[in-house]
Amino acid sequence: MENSYTFQSPIGRLTICEQNNQLTRLYLNNQDGGSLNGQSLERHSDFLYEAYRQLNEYFAGKRKAFELPVNGQGTEFQKAVWRELQKIPYGETRSYEDIAVAIGNQKAVRAIGQANGRNPIMIVVPCHRVIRKNGDISGFACGVEAKRYLLNLERENSINRSWKSV
């Protein structure tokens, strides 16, 4: 059984789900597939608290990388795409084509987009960092405004951090 915790974030109400101390889902409550028909239990745990803490640090601009084990359910292809997403540095973006090339299947651009859209662990597995080759940021399950907010948050904190170290 999956445990979950819901909280208010700058982009809306987020739900964190875990099973066996692994992050299984992280989603905005208005996303499809949020309900497990009673298979998820809203309950506090040390793991959920740690995930909540790290997400708050991220939204405050103090965390660039997450230290949470993830276990999203998907096909082997989807999991390969999601692993590649986790390699995109904070504050940077990649195109769907870049991801296709990185996983060794450069003709799979459309399939990359579909796998990106089915990512069950948003933010921690940063699907928001994938954009179209022309720079367009459309195509985010949570909406373009949420994607724009996350990209701007990272961009601003990347710039501010580098200026402080100069």
C-alpha atoms as a PDB file:
ATOM      1  CA  MET A   1       0.000   0.000   0.000  1.00  0.00           C
ATOM      2  CA  GLU A   2       1.141   3.498  -0.892  1.00  0.00           C
ATOM      3  CA  ASN A   3       1.299   6.249   1.752  1.00  0.00           C
ATOM      4  CA  SER A   4       0.757   9.850   0.735  1.00  0.00           C
ATOM      5  CA  TYR A   5       0.912  13.412   1.978  1.00  0.00           C
ATOM      6  CA  THR A   6      -0.668  16.468   0.344  1.00  0.00           C
ATOM      7  CA  PHE A   7       0.504  20.044   0.849  1.00  0.00           C
ATOM      8  CA  GLN A   8       0.217  23.486  -0.696  1.00  0.00           C
ATOM      9  CA  SER A   9       3.119  24.533  -2.931  1.00  0.00           C
ATOM     10  CA  PRO A  10       3.715  27.643  -5.052  1.00  0.00           C
ATOM     11  CA  ILE A  11       2.285  25.801  -8.089  1.00  0.00           C
ATOM     12  CA  GLY A  12      -0.722  24.237  -6.316  1.00  0.00           C
ATOM     13  CA  ARG A  13      -1.551  21.315  -4.051  1.00  0.00           C
ATOM     14  CA  LEU A  14       1.078  18.593  -4.451  1.00  0.00           C
ATOM     15  CA  THR A  15       0.696  15.009  -3.329  1.00  0.00           C
ATOM     16  CA  ILE A  16       3.767  12.946  -2.457  1.00  0.00           C
ATOM     17  CA  CYS A  17       3.349   9.141  -2.535  1.00  0.00           C
ATOM     18  CA  GLU A  18       5.750   6.552  -1.213  1.00  0.00           C
ATOM     19  CA  GLN A  19       5.937   2.836  -0.785  1.00  0.00           C
ATOM     20  CA  ASN A  20       8.738   1.014   1.017  1.00  0.00           C
ATOM     21  CA  ASN A  21      10.671   4.293   1.475  1.00  0.00           C
ATOM     22  CA  GLN A  22      10.752   5.015  -2.248  1.00  0.00           C
ATOM     23  CA  LEU A  23       9.058   7.926  -3.969  1.00  0.00           C
ATOM     24  CA  THR A  24       6.427   6.409  -6.264  1.00  0.00           C
ATOM     25  CA  ARG A  25       4.459   9.468  -7.371  1.00  0.00           C
ATOM     26  CA  LEU A  26       4.525  13.247  -7.019  1.00  0.00           C
ATOM     27  CA  TYR A  27       1.710  15.114  -8.703  1.00  0.00           C
ATOM     28  CA  LEU A  28      -0.486  18.195  -8.696  1.00  0.00           C
ATOM     29  CA  ASN A  29      -3.905  17.286  -7.344  1.00  0.00           C
ATOM     30  CA  ASN A  30      -5.594  18.456 -10.548  1.00  0.00           C
ATOM     31  CA  GLN A  31      -3.628  15.943 -12.645  1.00  0.00           C
ATOM     32  CA  ASP A  32      -5.363  12.824 -13.959  1.00  0.00           C
ATOM     33  CA  GLY A  33      -4.604   9.618 -12.113  1.00  0.00           C
ATOM     34  CA  GLY A  34      -4.344  11.220  -8.700  1.00  0.00           C
ATOM     35  CA  SER A  35      -6.751   8.847  -7.001  1.00  0.00           C
ATOM     36  CA  LEU A  36      -5.884   5.257  -6.278  1.00  0.00           C
ATOM     37  CA  ASN A  37      -9.426   4.284  -5.297  1.00  0.00           C
ATOM     38  CA  GLY A  38      -8.530   3.684  -1.688  1.00  0.00           C
ATOM     39  CA  GLN A  39      -5.082   2.191  -2.309  1.00  0.00           C
ATOM     40  CA  SER A  40      -3.334   5.302  -1.016  1.00  0.00           C
ATOM     41  CA  LEU A  41      -3.423   6.300   2.626  1.00  0.00           C
ATOM     42  CA  GLU A  42      -2.893   9.929   3.680  1.00  0.00           C
ATOM     43  CA  ARG A  43      -0.402   9.288   6.451  1.00  0.00           C
ATOM     44  CA  HIS A  44       2.768  10.869   7.751  1.00  0.00           C
ATOM     45  CA  SER A  45       6.068   8.985   7.710  1.00  0.00           C
ATOM     46  CA  ASP A  46       9.719   9.878   8.056  1.00  0.00           C
ATOM     47  CA  PHE A  47      10.191   9.363   4.322  1.00  0.00           C
ATOM     48  CA  LEU A  48       7.250  11.609   3.408  1.00  0.00           C
ATOM     49  CA  TYR A  49       8.513  14.280   5.794  1.00  0.00           C
ATOM     50  CA  GLU A  50      11.969  14.143   4.181  1.00  0.00           C
ATOM     51  CA  ALA A  51      10.449  14.432   0.688  1.00  0.00           C
ATOM     52  CA  TYR A  52       8.305  17.356   1.870  1.00  0.00           C
ATOM     53  CA  ARG A  53      11.365  19.035   3.425  1.00  0.00           C
ATOM     54  CA  GLN A  54      13.430  18.656   0.238  1.00  0.00           C
ATOM     55  CA  LEU A  55      10.585  19.977  -1.922  1.00  0.00           C
ATOM     56  CA  ASN A  56      10.229  23.039   0.322  1.00  0.00           C
ATOM     57  CA  GLU A  57      13.975  23.646   0.027  1.00  0.00           C
ATOM     58  CA  TYR A  58      13.626  23.373  -3.756  1.00  0.00           C
ATOM     59  CA  PHE A  59      10.788  25.918  -3.853  1.00  0.00           C
ATOM     60  CA  ALA A  60      12.818  28.235  -1.594  1.00  0.00           C
ATOM     61  CA  GLY A  61      15.713  28.063  -4.081  1.00  0.00           C
ATOM     62  CA  LYS A  62      17.985  26.236  -1.626  1.00  0.00           C
ATOM     63  CA  ARG A  63      18.036  22.772  -3.225  1.00  0.00           C
ATOM     64  CA  LYS A  64      19.297  21.923  -6.698  1.00  0.00           C
ATOM     65  CA  ALA A  65      19.277  18.124  -6.454  1.00  0.00           C
ATOM     66  CA  PHE A  66      17.026  15.692  -4.647  1.00  0.00           C
ATOM     67  CA  GLU A  67      18.309  12.870  -2.498  1.00  0.00           C
ATOM     68  CA  LEU A  68      15.289  10.585  -2.632  1.00  0.00           C
ATOM     69  CA  PRO A  69      15.082   7.053  -4.012  1.00  0.00           C
ATOM     70  CA  VAL A  70      12.483   6.931  -6.788  1.00  0.00           C
ATOM     71  CA  ASN A  71      10.455   4.035  -8.158  1.00  0.00           C
ATOM     72  CA  GLY A  72       7.968   5.232 -10.746  1.00  0.00           C
ATOM     73  CA  GLN A  73       5.898   2.575 -12.482  1.00  0.00           C
ATOM     74  CA  GLY A  74       6.341   2.447 -16.243  1.00  0.00           C
ATOM     75  CA  THR A  75       7.741   0.537 -19.194  1.00  0.00           C
ATOM     76  CA  GLU A  76      11.471  -0.015 -19.587  1.00  0.00           C
ATOM     77  CA  PHE A  77      11.515   2.666 -22.307  1.00  0.00           C
ATOM     78  CA  GLN A  78       9.738   5.164 -20.023  1.00  0.00           C
ATOM     79  CA  LYS A  79      12.131   4.387 -17.177  1.00  0.00           C
ATOM     80  CA  ALA A  80      15.114   4.958 -19.506  1.00  0.00           C
ATOM     81  CA  VAL A  81      13.682   8.361 -20.433  1.00  0.00           C
ATOM     82  CA  TRP A  82      13.026   9.220 -16.769  1.00  0.00           C
ATOM     83  CA  ARG A  83      16.593   8.260 -15.811  1.00  0.00           C
ATOM     84  CA  GLU A  84      17.861  10.589 -18.535  1.00  0.00           C
ATOM     85  CA  LEU A  85      15.640  13.405 -17.238  1.00  0.00           C
ATOM     86  CA  GLN A  86      17.366  13.118 -13.866  1.00  0.00           C
ATOM     87  CA  LYS A  87      20.680  13.934 -15.574  1.00  0.00           C
ATOM     88  CA  ILE A  88      19.488  17.368 -16.771  1.00  0.00           C
ATOM     89  CA  PRO A  89      21.270  19.906 -14.548  1.00  0.00           C
ATOM     90  CA  TYR A  90      19.289  22.318 -12.398  1.00  0.00           C
ATOM     91  CA  GLY A  91      18.513  25.499 -14.301  1.00  0.00           C
ATOM     92  CA  GLU A  92      19.093  23.930 -17.728  1.00  0.00           C
ATOM     93  CA  THR A  93      16.782  22.483 -20.356  1.00  0.00           C
ATOM     94  CA  ARG A  94      17.011  19.811 -23.023  1.00  0.00           C
ATOM     95  CA  SER A  95      14.911  19.187 -26.104  1.00  0.00           C
ATOM     96  CA  TYR A  96      12.957  16.017 -26.748  1.00  0.00           C
ATOM     97  CA  GLU A  97      15.485  15.324 -29.499  1.00  0.00           C
ATOM     98  CA  ASP A  98      18.390  15.726 -27.046  1.00  0.00           C
ATOM     99  CA  ILE A  99      16.816  13.075 -24.799  1.00  0.00           C
ATOM    100  CA  ALA A 100      16.219  10.747 -27.760  1.00  0.00           C
ATOM    101  CA  VAL A 101      19.873  11.015 -28.786  1.00  0.00           C
ATOM    102  CA  ALA A 102      21.053  10.507 -25.193  1.00  0.00           C
ATOM    103  CA  ILE A 103      19.162   7.224 -24.839  1.00  0.00           C
ATOM    104  CA  GLY A 104      20.436   6.047 -28.246  1.00  0.00           C
ATOM    105  CA  ASN A 105      17.168   6.277 -30.163  1.00  0.00           C
ATOM    106  CA  GLN A 106      17.187   9.584 -32.026  1.00  0.00           C
ATOM    107  CA  LYS A 107      14.081   8.728 -34.064  1.00  0.00           C
ATOM    108  CA  ALA A 108      11.974   8.314 -30.903  1.00  0.00           C
ATOM    109  CA  VAL A 109      11.313  12.038 -30.367  1.00  0.00           C
ATOM    110  CA  ARG A 110       7.532  11.612 -30.269  1.00  0.00           C
ATOM    111  CA  ALA A 111       7.812   8.618 -27.914  1.00  0.00           C
ATOM    112  CA  ILE A 112      10.120  10.683 -25.686  1.00  0.00           C
ATOM    113  CA  GLY A 113       7.375  13.297 -25.444  1.00  0.00           C
ATOM    114  CA  GLN A 114       4.838  10.657 -24.468  1.00  0.00           C
ATOM    115  CA  ALA A 115       7.141   9.121 -21.829  1.00  0.00           C
ATOM    116  CA  ASN A 116       7.909  12.585 -20.494  1.00  0.00           C
ATOM    117  CA  GLY A 117       4.184  13.273 -20.182  1.00  0.00           C
ATOM    118  CA  ARG A 118       3.648  10.032 -18.251  1.00  0.00           C
ATOM    119  CA  ASN A 119       6.363  10.768 -15.695  1.00  0.00           C
ATOM    120  CA  PRO A 120       4.730   9.963 -12.330  1.00  0.00           C
ATOM    121  CA  ILE A 121       7.280  11.864 -10.226  1.00  0.00           C
ATOM    122  CA  MET A 122       7.265  15.481 -11.381  1.00  0.00           C
ATOM    123  CA  ILE A 123       9.930  17.934 -10.168  1.00  0.00           C
ATOM    124  CA  VAL A 124      12.161  15.221  -8.618  1.00  0.00           C
ATOM    125  CA  VAL A 125      12.296  13.576 -12.055  1.00  0.00           C
ATOM    126  CA  PRO A 126      12.427  16.945 -13.822  1.00  0.00           C
ATOM    127  CA  CYS A 127      10.180  16.550 -16.862  1.00  0.00           C
ATOM    128  CA  HIS A 128       9.635  20.315 -16.729  1.00  0.00           C
ATOM    129  CA  ARG A 129      13.216  20.770 -18.018  1.00  0.00           C
ATOM    130  CA  VAL A 130      12.315  19.273 -21.400  1.00  0.00           C
ATOM    131  CA  ILE A 131      11.261  21.761 -24.064  1.00  0.00           C
ATOM    132  CA  ARG A 132      10.788  21.775 -27.805  1.00  0.00           C
ATOM    133  CA  LYS A 133      13.833  22.284 -29.999  1.00  0.00           C
ATOM    134  CA  ASN A 134      12.604  25.799 -30.897  1.00  0.00           C
ATOM    135  CA  GLY A 135      12.482  26.778 -27.195  1.00  0.00           C
ATOM    136  CA  ASP A 136       8.696  26.442 -26.812  1.00  0.00           C
ATOM    137  CA  ILE A 137       7.769  25.296 -23.309  1.00  0.00           C
ATOM    138  CA  SER A 138       4.322  23.887 -24.079  1.00  0.00           C
ATOM    139  CA  GLY A 139       3.387  20.323 -23.301  1.00  0.00           C
ATOM    140  CA  PHE A 140       3.399  20.032 -19.511  1.00  0.00           C
ATOM    141  CA  ALA A 141       0.751  17.913 -17.776  1.00  0.00           C
ATOM    142  CA  CYS A 142       0.413  20.525 -15.017  1.00  0.00           C
ATOM    143  CA  GLY A 143       0.015  23.400 -17.442  1.00  0.00           C
ATOM    144  CA  VAL A 144       2.360  25.859 -19.089  1.00  0.00           C
ATOM    145  CA  GLU A 145       2.195  28.338 -16.191  1.00  0.00           C
ATOM    146  CA  ALA A 146       3.458  25.728 -13.693  1.00  0.00           C
ATOM    147  CA  LYS A 147       6.256  24.731 -16.084  1.00  0.00           C
ATOM    148  CA  ARG A 148       7.204  28.367 -16.625  1.00  0.00           C
ATOM    149  CA  TYR A 149       7.245  28.915 -12.838  1.00  0.00           C
ATOM    150  CA  LEU A 150       9.579  25.929 -12.252  1.00  0.00           C
ATOM    151  CA  LEU A 151      11.943  26.911 -15.090  1.00  0.00           C
ATOM    152  CA  ASN A 152      12.074  30.531 -13.911  1.00  0.00           C
ATOM    153  CA  LEU A 153      12.649  29.440 -10.297  1.00  0.00           C
ATOM    154  CA  GLU A 154      15.643  27.350 -11.354  1.00  0.00           C
ATOM    155  CA  ARG A 155      16.996  29.932 -13.769  1.00  0.00           C
ATOM    156  CA  GLU A 156      16.817  32.727 -11.180  1.00  0.00           C
ATOM    157  CA  ASN A 157      18.471  30.653  -8.472  1.00  0.00           C
ATOM    158  CA  SER A 158      21.199  29.450 -10.828  1.00  0.00           C
ATOM    159  CA  ILE A 159      22.018  33.058 -11.750  1.00  0.00           C
ATOM    160  CA  ASN A 160      21.860  34.338  -8.174  1.00  0.00           C
ATOM    161  CA  ARG A 161      24.110  31.558  -6.889  1.00  0.00           C
ATOM    162  CA  SER A 162      26.772  32.165  -9.549  1.00  0.00           C
ATOM    163  CA  TRP A 163      26.792  35.930  -8.866  1.00  0.00           C
ATOM    164  CA  LYS A 164      27.302  35.350  -5.163  1.00  0.00           C
ATOM    165  CA  SER A 165      30.365  33.228  -5.780  1.00  0.00           C
ATOM    166  CA  VAL A 166      32.059  35.819  -8.035  1.00  0.00           C
END
